[in-house]
C-alpha atoms as a PDB file:
ATOM      1  CA  MET A   1      45.931  62.031   1.485  1.00  0.00           C
ATOM      2  CA  SER A   2      44.361  58.774   0.705  1.00  0.00           C
ATOM      3  CA  PRO A   3      45.343  57.162  -2.418  1.00  0.00           C
ATOM      4  CA  ALA A   4      41.803  56.583  -3.424  1.00  0.00           C
ATOM      5  CA  VAL A   5      41.530  60.067  -3.676  1.00  0.00           C
ATOM      6  CA  PRO A   6      42.494  61.667  -7.018  1.00  0.00           C
ATOM      7  CA  GLN A   7      45.179  64.230  -6.989  1.00  0.00           C
ATOM      8  CA  SER A   8      43.285  66.724  -9.695  1.00  0.00           C
ATOM      9  CA  ALA A   9      39.707  67.776  -9.310  1.00  0.00           C
ATOM     10  CA  SER A  10      36.979  68.165 -11.765  1.00  0.00           C
ATOM     11  CA  ALA A  11      36.067  72.008 -12.922  1.00  0.00           C
ATOM     12  CA  ASP A  12      32.492  71.729 -11.081  1.00  0.00           C
ATOM     13  CA  ASP A  13      34.318  70.586  -7.579  1.00  0.00           C
ATOM     14  CA  PRO A  14      37.693  72.208  -7.460  1.00  0.00           C
ATOM     15  CA  LYS A  15      39.831  71.251  -4.513  1.00  0.00           C
ATOM     16  CA  PRO A  16      40.023  73.707  -1.964  1.00  0.00           C
ATOM     17  CA  GLN A  17      43.259  76.086  -1.306  1.00  0.00           C
ATOM     18  CA  PRO A  18      44.828  76.398   1.698  1.00  0.00           C
ATOM     19  CA  PRO A  19      44.798  79.681   3.077  1.00  0.00           C
ATOM     20  CA  VAL A  20      47.864  81.977   2.856  1.00  0.00           C
ATOM     21  CA  GLN A  21      50.069  81.909   6.151  1.00  0.00           C
ATOM     22  CA  PRO A  22      50.922  85.218   7.100  1.00  0.00           C
ATOM     23  CA  ASP A  23      54.632  86.620   7.738  1.00  0.00           C
ATOM     24  CA  LEU A  24      55.746  87.286  11.266  1.00  0.00           C
ATOM     25  CA  ASP A  25      56.138  91.014   9.941  1.00  0.00           C
ATOM     26  CA  ASP A  26      52.413  91.039   9.091  1.00  0.00           C
ATOM     27  CA  CYS A  27      51.408  91.023  12.980  1.00  0.00           C
ATOM     28  CA  CYS A  28      51.641  94.502  14.518  1.00  0.00           C
ATOM     29  CA  HIS A  29      52.473  92.943  18.069  1.00  0.00           C
ATOM     30  CA  SER A  30      50.202  95.555  19.597  1.00  0.00           C
ATOM     31  CA  GLY A  31      47.568  92.693  20.889  1.00  0.00           C
ATOM     32  CA  CYS A  32      44.858  93.292  18.353  1.00  0.00           C
ATOM     33  CA  SER A  33      41.915  91.156  18.183  1.00  0.00           C
ATOM     34  CA  PRO A  34      41.819  89.480  16.306  1.00  0.00           C
ATOM     35  CA  CYS A  35      45.383  89.184  15.517  1.00  0.00           C
ATOM     36  CA  VAL A  36      46.162  88.105  11.723  1.00  0.00           C
ATOM     37  CA  PHE A  37      47.402  85.040  13.127  1.00  0.00           C
ATOM     38  CA  ASP A  38      44.055  84.079  14.808  1.00  0.00           C
ATOM     39  CA  VAL A  39      42.467  84.954  11.498  1.00  0.00           C
ATOM     40  CA  TYR A  40      44.993  82.642   9.581  1.00  0.00           C
ATOM     41  CA  ASP A  41      43.819  79.749  12.441  1.00  0.00           C
ATOM     42  CA  ALA A  42      40.384  80.085  12.028  1.00  0.00           C
ATOM     43  CA  ALA A  43      40.604  79.855   7.968  1.00  0.00           C
ATOM     44  CA  LEU A  44      42.849  77.171   8.476  1.00  0.00           C
ATOM     45  CA  GLU A  45      40.539  75.136  10.279  1.00  0.00           C
ATOM     46  CA  ARG A  46      37.985  75.906   7.890  1.00  0.00           C
ATOM     47  CA  TYR A  47      40.077  74.848   5.021  1.00  0.00           C
ATOM     48  CA  GLU A  48      40.779  71.569   6.696  1.00  0.00           C
ATOM     49  CA  ILE A  49      36.902  70.773   6.888  1.00  0.00           C
ATOM     50  CA  ALA A  50      36.562  72.069   3.494  1.00  0.00           C
ATOM     51  CA  LEU A  51      39.297  69.467   2.192  1.00  0.00           C
ATOM     52  CA  ALA A  52      37.892  66.799   4.204  1.00  0.00           C
ATOM     53  CA  GLU A  53      34.423  67.414   3.012  1.00  0.00           C
ATOM     54  CA  TRP A  54      35.881  67.556  -0.745  1.00  0.00           C
ATOM     55  CA  GLN A  55      38.078  64.167  -0.363  1.00  0.00           C
ATOM     56  CA  LYS A  56      34.653  62.340   0.610  1.00  0.00           C
ATOM     57  CA  ARG A  57      33.032  63.664  -2.432  1.00  0.00           C
ATOM     58  CA  GLN A  58      35.790  62.531  -4.460  1.00  0.00           C
ATOM     59  CA  GLU A  59      36.089  58.983  -3.196  1.00  0.00           C
ATOM     60  CA  LYS A  60      32.022  59.028  -3.635  1.00  0.00           C
ATOM     61  CA  ARG A  61      32.864  60.261  -7.254  1.00  0.00           C
ATOM     62  CA  GLN A  62      35.502  57.768  -7.955  1.00  0.00           C
ATOM     63  CA  VAL A  63      33.018  54.756  -6.419  1.00  0.00           C
ATOM     64  CA  THR A  64      30.019  56.118  -8.478  1.00  0.00           C
ATOM     65  CA  SER A  65      32.273  56.165 -11.594  1.00  0.00           C
ATOM     66  CA  GLN A  66      33.815  52.960 -11.411  1.00  0.00           C
ATOM     67  CA  GLU A  67      29.995  51.119 -10.736  1.00  0.00           C
ATOM     68  CA  ALA A  68      28.790  53.436 -13.944  1.00  0.00           C
ATOM     69  CA  PRO A  69      28.305  51.250 -17.123  1.00  0.00           C
ATOM     70  CA  GLN A  70      30.581  51.951 -19.646  1.00  0.00           C
ATOM     71  CA  MET A  71      29.998  54.537 -22.231  1.00  0.00           C
ATOM     72  CA  GLY A  72      27.619  53.513 -25.188  1.00  0.00           C
ATOM     73  CA  HIS A  73      24.482  51.718 -25.239  1.00  0.00           C
ATOM     74  CA  PRO A  74      24.364  48.024 -23.757  1.00  0.00           C
ATOM     75  CA  ARG A  75      22.800  45.267 -26.271  1.00  0.00           C
ATOM     76  CA  PRO A  76      19.432  44.364 -25.036  1.00  0.00           C
ATOM     77  CA  ALA A  77      19.003  41.043 -23.853  1.00  0.00           C
ATOM     78  CA  VAL A  78      16.008  40.479 -26.101  1.00  0.00           C
ATOM     79  CA  GLN A  79      15.693  41.352 -29.760  1.00  0.00           C
ATOM     80  CA  ALA A  80      12.926  43.724 -30.877  1.00  0.00           C
ATOM     81  CA  PRO A  81      10.618  42.052 -32.789  1.00  0.00           C
ATOM     82  CA  ARG A  82      11.269  43.373 -36.125  1.00  0.00           C
ATOM     83  CA  ALA A  83      15.113  42.994 -35.531  1.00  0.00           C
ATOM     84  CA  ARG A  84      14.391  39.367 -34.680  1.00  0.00           C
ATOM     85  CA  ALA A  85      11.990  38.934 -37.771  1.00  0.00           C
ATOM     86  CA  ALA A  86      14.819  40.412 -40.339  1.00  0.00           C
ATOM     87  CA  LYS A  87      17.472  38.004 -38.739  1.00  0.00           C
ATOM     88  CA  GLU A  88      14.821  35.088 -39.411  1.00  0.00           C
ATOM     89  CA  THR A  89      14.292  36.370 -42.933  1.00  0.00           C
ATOM     90  CA  LEU A  90      18.003  36.909 -43.627  1.00  0.00           C
ATOM     91  CA  ALA A  91      18.517  33.402 -42.747  1.00  0.00           C
ATOM     92  CA  SER A  92      15.505  31.631 -44.305  1.00  0.00           C
ATOM     93  CA  HIS A  93      17.378  33.341 -47.687  1.00  0.00           C
ATOM     94  CA  LYS A  94      20.353  32.190 -47.221  1.00  0.00           C
ATOM     95  CA  SER A  95      19.185  28.475 -46.554  1.00  0.00           C
ATOM     96  CA  ARG A  96      17.227  28.788 -49.768  1.00  0.00           C
ATOM     97  CA  ALA A  97      20.186  30.103 -51.824  1.00  0.00           C
ATOM     98  CA  ALA A  98      22.434  27.133 -50.154  1.00  0.00           C
ATOM     99  CA  LYS A  99      20.147  24.605 -51.380  1.00  0.00           C
ATOM    100  CA  PRO A 100      20.682  22.655 -55.071  1.00  0.00           C
ATOM    101  CA  ARG A 101      17.797  23.411 -57.253  1.00  0.00           C
END
């Protein structure tokens, strides 16, 4: 498995589980069609396809989460007019208080 693929899966996209391999005693040796081993081989092929698709989704999810911004709200590049006015008023009051009378 690629190191970029996480070992654990999220609850909404669980990792596919491999099929249980039948024991040699599970086959009746009478030539059944399909044999338990044929059923297992088909299930194993479906599992391998599902696993490869899951790995691609996990890699995509990991890339997407790395590109997403950090939690929280980014600071706006430009202050809102009220915030700017409040800041200017505060600076004005501070400068008046600092002047000797």
